[in-house]
Amino acid sequence: MAGGTRQLTVELGERSYPILIGSGLLAGTGALFAERGFPVKAPILLVTDAAVAHLYADTVVSSLQASGYSVTQTVVPSGETSKSLSVFDGLIEAALEAGLDRKSTVIALGGGVVGDLAGFVAATYMRGVRFVQIPTTILAHDSSVGGKVAVNHRLAKNIIGAFYQPEFVMYDLDTLRSLPPREVRAGLSEVIKHGLIWNADFVRWCDEHAGKLLALDPEALGYALYEGCKVKAIVVSKDERENDLRAILNLGHTIGHALEAVAGYGELLHGEAIAIGMVGSARLAARFGYDKGIALETERIFRKFGLPVRIPSGCDPDAIMRAMQHDKKFSEGQMVFVVPTSIGSVEIRNDVPSAWVREIVKDLREETGEE
């Protein structure tokens, strides 16, 4: 493994697995598979997307083949629309045609969409085969850890899915150099989120190093991703299936997922929608009597990173409210929100009046003209 690699472990007993973060890792994929005892005779299905395939797939496939593995590569269209049952069906067919068996592995090489989709294939094919995450976006530092895999329904995001942990997560920082600036900003939204829910010092660090993070400085980015993954690993180790604590990772997601559905998947990047959602949650905190400065500080830091903090004017508030009712965090007719109590600390509220949410959504949309 390349020098300077940072490593974390998601502690889940016999199903514990490492997260590897460093540069130059893709070329060692085959060696890592052999080191971790993946059977050479079991075929591998590599799932990637059109944006990533020509950049990194050959390196991964060549490394695996050099170690004696048989690999079939399947390319799906880029974007959120690939997280569908029709694309899922095509991947199951590809797995069958490639001869995958119960000892086989599905590899996700790409961003969060590829990871969620390929993971759902791994979770369901023959009732579960091995799964490996090789994320190539900043945003995927969040989605690649923790075992949430899913596809979307036209009415709700991630509503068809499972909890299914990978064998390991391998994060090659070199792949992030090809990201367009908008995706860099959107990915950093989830990095900051981990600080907002758990570590105020890390939020301050991100604020102070915004320029380096946006410029993809390797040392700064490696540290930020390590800290973000560390929060995710701690939370998942304590609550794998989101019975209580893990729900804090959904800060900003109740509004954010609704915005994605209403705007049309792909119109708002996930991290952009979540940034707006986090501003909404921070405003909700003030309704519960917490410091109004939480909302001001949350908005300030997202503006500093070039992220949107207002709902696009084309999004209808009624449609947003309806979309939230389809969200998995809508429980027994109550609005369930993760609400910040300070920068670096949150609580889960299941007593949120829908009228408050509607007012906040309306305000965030009507204030769009201030941008």
Protein backbone atom coordinates (compact mmCIF):
# COMPACT_ATOMS: atom_id res chain seq x y z
CA MET A 1 0.00 0.00 0.00
CA ALA A 2 1.21 3.51 -0.83
CA GLY A 3 3.08 5.44 1.84
CA GLY A 4 1.24 8.12 3.75
CA THR A 5 -2.04 6.22 3.66
CA ARG A 6 -4.44 7.05 6.48
CA GLN A 7 -6.56 4.20 7.80
CA LEU A 8 -9.73 3.99 9.89
CA THR A 9 -11.84 1.03 10.96
CA VAL A 10 -15.61 0.81 11.08
CA GLU A 11 -16.04 -1.36 14.19
CA LEU A 12 -18.82 -3.88 13.61
CA GLY A 13 -17.45 -7.01 15.25
CA GLU A 14 -16.82 -9.76 12.70
CA ARG A 15 -18.02 -7.42 9.94
CA SER A 16 -15.56 -4.63 10.77
CA TYR A 17 -13.79 -3.15 7.77
CA PRO A 18 -11.07 -0.61 6.98
CA ILE A 19 -11.27 2.74 5.22
CA LEU A 20 -8.04 3.51 3.37
CA ILE A 21 -7.32 7.12 2.35
CA GLY A 22 -4.26 8.09 0.33
CA SER A 23 -2.71 8.72 -3.07
CA GLY A 24 -1.78 6.09 -5.66
CA LEU A 25 -4.02 3.38 -4.21
CA LEU A 26 -5.82 2.26 -7.38
CA ALA A 27 -2.75 0.55 -8.81
CA GLY A 28 -2.62 -1.67 -5.72
CA THR A 29 -6.20 -2.93 -5.95
CA GLY A 30 -5.25 -6.45 -7.01
CA ALA A 31 -2.64 -6.81 -4.28
CA LEU A 32 -5.14 -5.62 -1.68
CA PHE A 33 -7.74 -8.13 -2.88
CA ALA A 34 -5.18 -10.94 -2.60
CA GLU A 35 -3.99 -9.73 0.80
CA ARG A 36 -7.56 -9.75 2.12
CA GLY A 37 -8.28 -13.25 0.82
CA PHE A 38 -10.68 -12.60 -2.05
CA PRO A 39 -10.90 -15.88 -4.02
CA VAL A 40 -9.13 -15.62 -7.38
CA LYS A 41 -11.51 -18.03 -9.13
CA ALA A 42 -14.66 -16.04 -8.30
CA PRO A 43 -15.58 -13.55 -11.07
CA ILE A 44 -15.72 -9.85 -10.23
CA LEU A 45 -18.22 -7.28 -11.53
CA LEU A 46 -16.85 -3.73 -11.68
CA VAL A 47 -19.63 -1.11 -11.84
CA THR A 48 -18.66 2.40 -12.88
CA ASP A 49 -20.22 5.29 -14.77
CA ALA A 50 -19.58 7.04 -18.05
CA ALA A 51 -17.67 9.91 -16.42
CA VAL A 52 -15.27 7.68 -14.49
CA ALA A 53 -14.80 4.63 -16.75
CA HIS A 54 -12.28 6.19 -19.16
CA LEU A 55 -10.30 7.77 -16.32
CA TYR A 56 -9.75 5.02 -13.77
CA ALA A 57 -11.38 1.72 -14.72
CA ASP A 58 -8.41 0.43 -16.73
CA THR A 59 -6.07 0.95 -13.76
CA VAL A 60 -8.31 -1.03 -11.43
CA VAL A 61 -9.05 -3.80 -13.94
CA SER A 62 -5.38 -4.17 -14.95
CA SER A 63 -4.31 -4.38 -11.31
CA LEU A 64 -6.89 -7.08 -10.56
CA GLN A 65 -6.03 -9.05 -13.68
CA ALA A 66 -2.32 -8.89 -12.84
CA SER A 67 -3.21 -10.60 -9.55
CA GLY A 68 -5.12 -13.35 -11.38
CA TYR A 69 -8.70 -12.07 -11.04
CA SER A 70 -11.36 -12.22 -13.76
CA VAL A 71 -13.19 -8.89 -14.10
CA THR A 72 -16.24 -7.80 -16.08
CA GLN A 73 -16.71 -4.05 -16.39
CA THR A 74 -20.18 -2.49 -16.65
CA VAL A 75 -20.74 1.21 -17.32
CA VAL A 76 -23.95 3.00 -16.30
CA PRO A 77 -24.98 6.54 -17.29
CA SER A 78 -23.66 9.28 -15.05
CA GLY A 79 -26.05 11.01 -12.68
CA GLU A 80 -28.79 10.35 -10.15
CA THR A 81 -31.16 8.93 -12.77
CA SER A 82 -29.06 5.73 -12.80
CA LYS A 83 -30.27 4.93 -9.29
CA SER A 84 -33.37 3.28 -10.74
CA LEU A 85 -34.90 -0.17 -10.82
CA SER A 86 -34.40 -0.38 -14.58
CA VAL A 87 -30.63 0.22 -14.32
CA PHE A 88 -30.51 -2.16 -11.34
CA ASP A 89 -32.19 -4.83 -13.47
CA GLY A 90 -29.54 -4.35 -16.16
CA LEU A 91 -26.75 -4.85 -13.63
CA ILE A 92 -28.31 -8.05 -12.30
CA GLU A 93 -28.37 -9.29 -15.89
CA ALA A 94 -24.72 -8.31 -16.31
CA ALA A 95 -23.83 -10.21 -13.13
CA LEU A 96 -25.59 -13.32 -14.42
CA GLU A 97 -23.90 -13.10 -17.81
CA ALA A 98 -20.51 -12.65 -16.11
CA GLY A 99 -21.10 -15.83 -14.12
CA LEU A 100 -20.93 -14.26 -10.67
CA ASP A 101 -21.39 -16.79 -7.87
CA ARG A 102 -21.79 -16.60 -4.11
CA LYS A 103 -18.05 -15.99 -3.63
CA SER A 104 -17.92 -13.17 -6.17
CA THR A 105 -17.44 -9.45 -5.54
CA VAL A 106 -19.16 -6.35 -6.86
CA ILE A 107 -16.92 -3.27 -6.97
CA ALA A 108 -18.31 0.26 -7.04
CA LEU A 109 -15.88 2.62 -8.79
CA GLY A 110 -17.34 6.11 -8.83
CA GLY A 111 -19.36 8.58 -6.82
CA GLY A 112 -22.29 8.11 -4.48
CA VAL A 113 -24.71 7.09 -7.23
CA VAL A 114 -22.50 4.23 -8.36
CA GLY A 115 -21.82 3.19 -4.76
CA ASP A 116 -25.49 3.11 -3.80
CA LEU A 117 -26.50 1.30 -6.98
CA ALA A 118 -23.70 -1.27 -7.04
CA GLY A 119 -24.13 -1.85 -3.32
CA PHE A 120 -27.81 -2.65 -3.79
CA VAL A 121 -26.84 -5.12 -6.51
CA ALA A 122 -24.31 -6.74 -4.15
CA ALA A 123 -26.86 -6.87 -1.33
CA THR A 124 -29.51 -8.61 -3.42
CA TYR A 125 -27.67 -10.75 -5.97
CA MET A 126 -27.84 -14.35 -4.69
CA ARG A 127 -28.98 -12.83 -1.38
CA GLY A 128 -25.68 -11.05 -0.97
CA VAL A 129 -22.13 -11.19 -2.37
CA ARG A 130 -18.98 -9.33 -1.40
CA PHE A 131 -18.92 -5.61 -2.00
CA VAL A 132 -16.05 -3.11 -2.27
CA GLN A 133 -16.30 0.67 -2.41
CA ILE A 134 -13.76 2.69 -4.42
CA PRO A 135 -15.15 6.24 -4.27
CA THR A 136 -13.93 8.85 -6.75
CA THR A 137 -15.74 11.95 -5.46
CA ILE A 138 -15.52 13.99 -2.27
CA LEU A 139 -19.23 13.53 -1.68
CA ALA A 140 -18.80 9.76 -1.66
CA HIS A 141 -16.64 9.91 1.49
CA ASP A 142 -20.01 9.95 3.22
CA SER A 143 -22.06 7.53 1.14
CA SER A 144 -19.29 4.93 0.73
CA VAL A 145 -19.04 4.39 4.50
CA GLY A 146 -21.78 2.82 6.58
CA GLY A 147 -23.50 0.33 4.29
CA LYS A 148 -26.55 2.27 3.15
CA VAL A 149 -27.29 1.10 -0.39
CA ALA A 150 -30.36 1.97 -2.42
CA VAL A 151 -32.09 3.07 -5.59
CA ASN A 152 -34.69 5.81 -5.97
CA HIS A 153 -38.40 5.72 -6.66
CA ARG A 154 -39.89 8.58 -8.64
CA LEU A 155 -41.67 9.73 -5.44
CA ALA A 156 -38.81 9.38 -2.97
CA LYS A 157 -35.04 9.19 -2.85
CA ASN A 158 -33.34 6.01 -1.53
CA ILE A 159 -36.67 4.46 -0.57
CA ILE A 160 -35.75 1.03 -2.04
CA GLY A 161 -32.62 -0.22 -0.33
CA ALA A 162 -30.79 -2.11 2.39
CA PHE A 163 -28.05 -1.92 4.99
CA TYR A 164 -25.12 -3.81 3.46
CA GLN A 165 -21.54 -3.16 4.54
CA PRO A 166 -18.56 -3.28 2.17
CA GLU A 167 -15.48 -5.43 2.70
CA PHE A 168 -13.38 -2.28 2.61
CA VAL A 169 -13.41 1.29 1.31
CA MET A 170 -10.41 2.48 -0.73
CA TYR A 171 -10.21 6.22 -1.25
CA ASP A 172 -7.54 7.29 -3.78
CA LEU A 173 -7.14 11.06 -3.47
CA ASP A 174 -5.66 11.25 -6.98
CA THR A 175 -9.10 10.56 -8.46
CA LEU A 176 -10.43 13.83 -7.01
CA ARG A 177 -8.27 15.94 -9.35
CA SER A 178 -10.67 15.30 -12.22
CA LEU A 179 -13.70 16.71 -10.37
CA PRO A 180 -15.25 19.93 -11.71
CA PRO A 181 -15.34 22.81 -9.20
CA ARG A 182 -19.09 22.52 -8.63
CA GLU A 183 -18.76 18.89 -7.55
CA VAL A 184 -15.84 19.77 -5.29
CA ARG A 185 -17.98 22.36 -3.51
CA ALA A 186 -20.94 19.99 -3.26
CA GLY A 187 -18.75 17.25 -1.81
CA LEU A 188 -17.28 19.55 0.81
CA SER A 189 -20.84 20.25 1.99
CA GLU A 190 -20.99 16.74 3.49
CA VAL A 191 -17.48 17.09 4.93
CA ILE A 192 -18.59 20.22 6.79
CA LYS A 193 -21.77 18.42 7.85
CA HIS A 194 -19.75 15.92 9.85
CA GLY A 195 -18.21 18.78 11.78
CA LEU A 196 -21.55 20.49 12.32
CA ILE A 197 -23.01 17.39 13.97
CA TRP A 198 -20.00 16.26 15.97
CA ASN A 199 -16.91 18.48 16.10
CA ALA A 200 -16.93 22.29 16.30
CA ASP A 201 -13.12 22.39 16.11
CA PHE A 202 -13.25 20.62 12.75
CA VAL A 203 -15.78 23.17 11.47
CA ARG A 204 -13.37 25.94 12.44
CA TRP A 205 -10.53 24.06 10.73
CA CYS A 206 -12.58 23.76 7.52
CA ASP A 207 -13.38 27.48 7.71
CA GLU A 208 -9.71 28.38 8.09
CA HIS A 209 -8.61 26.02 5.29
CA ALA A 210 -11.42 26.69 2.81
CA GLY A 211 -9.02 27.92 0.12
CA LYS A 212 -6.83 24.81 0.33
CA LEU A 213 -9.82 22.47 0.33
CA LEU A 214 -11.39 24.13 -2.70
CA ALA A 215 -8.01 23.96 -4.46
CA LEU A 216 -7.78 20.22 -3.64
CA ASP A 217 -4.57 20.58 -1.66
CA PRO A 218 -3.66 16.90 -1.03
CA GLU A 219 -2.65 17.23 2.61
CA ALA A 220 -5.62 19.38 3.58
CA LEU A 221 -8.05 17.21 1.65
CA GLY A 222 -6.63 13.99 3.06
CA TYR A 223 -7.02 15.30 6.60
CA ALA A 224 -10.55 16.60 5.97
CA LEU A 225 -11.72 13.32 4.47
CA TYR A 226 -10.11 11.38 7.31
CA GLU A 227 -11.91 13.51 9.90
CA GLY A 228 -15.22 13.28 8.03
CA CYS A 229 -14.94 9.51 7.64
CA LYS A 230 -13.93 9.24 11.31
CA VAL A 231 -17.20 10.81 12.44
CA LYS A 232 -19.16 8.54 10.11
CA ALA A 233 -17.26 5.45 11.31
CA ILE A 234 -17.84 6.28 14.98
CA VAL A 235 -21.55 6.83 14.50
CA VAL A 236 -22.07 3.73 12.33
CA SER A 237 -20.10 1.58 14.79
CA LYS A 238 -22.50 2.67 17.56
CA ASP A 239 -25.72 2.42 15.51
CA GLU A 240 -25.42 0.50 12.25
CA ARG A 241 -29.12 0.43 11.32
CA GLU A 242 -30.17 3.92 12.33
CA ASN A 243 -32.19 2.99 15.39
CA ASP A 244 -31.23 6.20 17.14
CA LEU A 245 -27.78 7.88 17.01
CA ARG A 246 -27.09 7.32 13.30
CA ALA A 247 -30.03 9.54 12.40
CA ILE A 248 -27.88 12.57 13.31
CA LEU A 249 -26.03 12.01 10.03
CA ASN A 250 -29.23 13.15 8.31
CA LEU A 251 -28.68 16.81 9.23
CA GLY A 252 -30.11 18.81 6.34
CA HIS A 253 -31.42 15.75 4.53
CA THR A 254 -35.14 16.10 5.23
CA ILE A 255 -35.40 19.32 3.26
CA GLY A 256 -32.47 18.40 1.02
CA HIS A 257 -33.93 15.15 -0.29
CA ALA A 258 -37.25 16.87 -0.92
CA LEU A 259 -35.49 19.58 -2.92
CA GLU A 260 -33.73 16.97 -5.05
CA ALA A 261 -37.03 15.27 -5.81
CA VAL A 262 -38.89 18.49 -6.61
CA ALA A 263 -36.11 20.16 -8.61
CA GLY A 264 -35.51 16.93 -10.51
CA TYR A 265 -32.62 14.62 -9.64
CA GLY A 266 -29.50 16.21 -11.08
CA GLU A 267 -30.75 19.81 -11.20
CA LEU A 268 -29.42 20.34 -7.68
CA LEU A 269 -26.37 18.32 -6.75
CA HIS A 270 -26.86 16.30 -3.56
CA GLY A 271 -24.39 18.36 -1.56
CA GLU A 272 -26.00 21.59 -2.75
CA ALA A 273 -29.46 20.44 -1.67
CA ILE A 274 -28.11 19.28 1.69
CA ALA A 275 -26.40 22.64 2.28
CA ILE A 276 -29.74 24.39 1.79
CA GLY A 277 -31.34 21.81 4.07
CA MET A 278 -28.76 22.44 6.79
CA VAL A 279 -29.48 26.16 6.66
CA GLY A 280 -33.18 25.30 7.04
CA SER A 281 -32.47 23.05 10.02
CA ALA A 282 -30.38 25.79 11.63
CA ARG A 283 -33.29 28.22 11.26
CA LEU A 284 -35.53 25.59 12.80
CA ALA A 285 -33.20 25.50 15.82
CA ALA A 286 -34.01 29.13 16.51
CA ARG A 287 -37.72 28.21 16.64
CA PHE A 288 -36.86 25.83 19.49
CA GLY A 289 -35.10 28.59 21.36
CA TYR A 290 -31.50 27.89 20.40
CA ASP A 291 -29.06 30.66 19.48
CA LYS A 292 -29.95 32.41 16.21
CA GLY A 293 -26.23 32.65 15.60
CA ILE A 294 -26.21 28.96 14.67
CA ALA A 295 -28.15 29.75 11.49
CA LEU A 296 -26.01 32.78 10.70
CA GLU A 297 -22.76 30.83 11.13
CA THR A 298 -24.05 27.84 9.14
CA GLU A 299 -25.05 30.10 6.27
CA ARG A 300 -21.78 32.04 6.40
CA ILE A 301 -19.56 28.99 6.08
CA PHE A 302 -21.57 27.52 3.22
CA ARG A 303 -21.42 30.83 1.37
CA LYS A 304 -17.66 30.83 1.90
CA PHE A 305 -17.48 27.46 0.14
CA GLY A 306 -19.62 28.73 -2.73
CA LEU A 307 -22.62 26.60 -1.85
CA PRO A 308 -26.28 27.63 -2.27
CA VAL A 309 -28.14 28.62 0.88
CA ARG A 310 -31.55 29.42 -0.63
CA ILE A 311 -34.23 27.30 -2.29
CA PRO A 312 -34.40 27.85 -6.07
CA SER A 313 -37.37 30.00 -7.03
CA GLY A 314 -38.67 27.29 -9.37
CA CYS A 315 -39.30 24.87 -6.49
CA ASP A 316 -42.91 24.97 -5.29
CA PRO A 317 -43.23 24.99 -1.47
CA ASP A 318 -46.31 22.75 -1.58
CA ALA A 319 -44.42 20.19 -3.67
CA ILE A 320 -41.49 20.34 -1.25
CA MET A 321 -43.79 19.68 1.70
CA ARG A 322 -45.42 16.74 -0.11
CA ALA A 323 -42.00 15.30 -0.93
CA MET A 324 -40.98 15.48 2.73
CA GLN A 325 -43.97 13.32 3.67
CA HIS A 326 -42.54 10.53 1.50
CA ASP A 327 -39.17 10.75 3.25
CA LYS A 328 -38.14 7.88 5.54
CA LYS A 329 -37.67 10.45 8.33
CA PHE A 330 -41.39 11.28 8.30
CA SER A 331 -42.69 9.18 11.20
CA GLU A 332 -46.27 8.64 12.35
CA GLY A 333 -47.46 11.91 10.87
CA GLN A 334 -44.81 14.00 12.68
CA MET A 335 -42.01 15.95 11.05
CA VAL A 336 -38.70 14.48 12.19
CA PHE A 337 -35.66 16.75 11.93
CA VAL A 338 -32.06 16.78 13.05
CA VAL A 339 -31.71 20.18 14.69
CA PRO A 340 -28.42 21.84 15.69
CA THR A 341 -28.17 22.91 19.32
CA SER A 342 -24.80 24.58 18.69
CA ILE A 343 -22.07 24.36 16.07
CA GLY A 344 -20.81 20.79 16.50
CA SER A 345 -23.85 19.38 18.31
CA VAL A 346 -27.33 18.29 17.23
CA GLU A 347 -30.46 16.64 18.55
CA ILE A 348 -33.19 14.60 16.88
CA ARG A 349 -36.65 16.18 17.17
CA ASN A 350 -39.82 14.29 16.30
CA ASP A 351 -42.08 17.11 17.44
CA VAL A 352 -41.49 19.60 14.65
CA PRO A 353 -44.68 21.46 13.66
CA SER A 354 -45.19 21.23 9.93
CA ALA A 355 -46.27 24.90 9.96
CA TRP A 356 -42.77 25.89 11.08
CA VAL A 357 -41.21 23.86 8.31
CA ARG A 358 -43.54 25.37 5.71
CA GLU A 359 -42.67 28.89 6.88
CA ILE A 360 -38.94 28.19 6.69
CA VAL A 361 -39.25 26.63 3.23
CA LYS A 362 -41.30 29.62 2.06
CA ASP A 363 -38.78 32.10 3.51
CA LEU A 364 -35.76 30.32 2.00
CA ARG A 365 -37.44 30.39 -1.40
CA GLU A 366 -38.65 33.97 -1.26
CA GLU A 367 -35.24 35.22 -0.13
CA THR A 368 -33.65 33.83 -3.30
CA GLY A 369 -33.63 37.31 -4.80
CA GLU A 370 -31.05 38.36 -2.20
CA GLU A 371 -28.37 36.22 -3.82
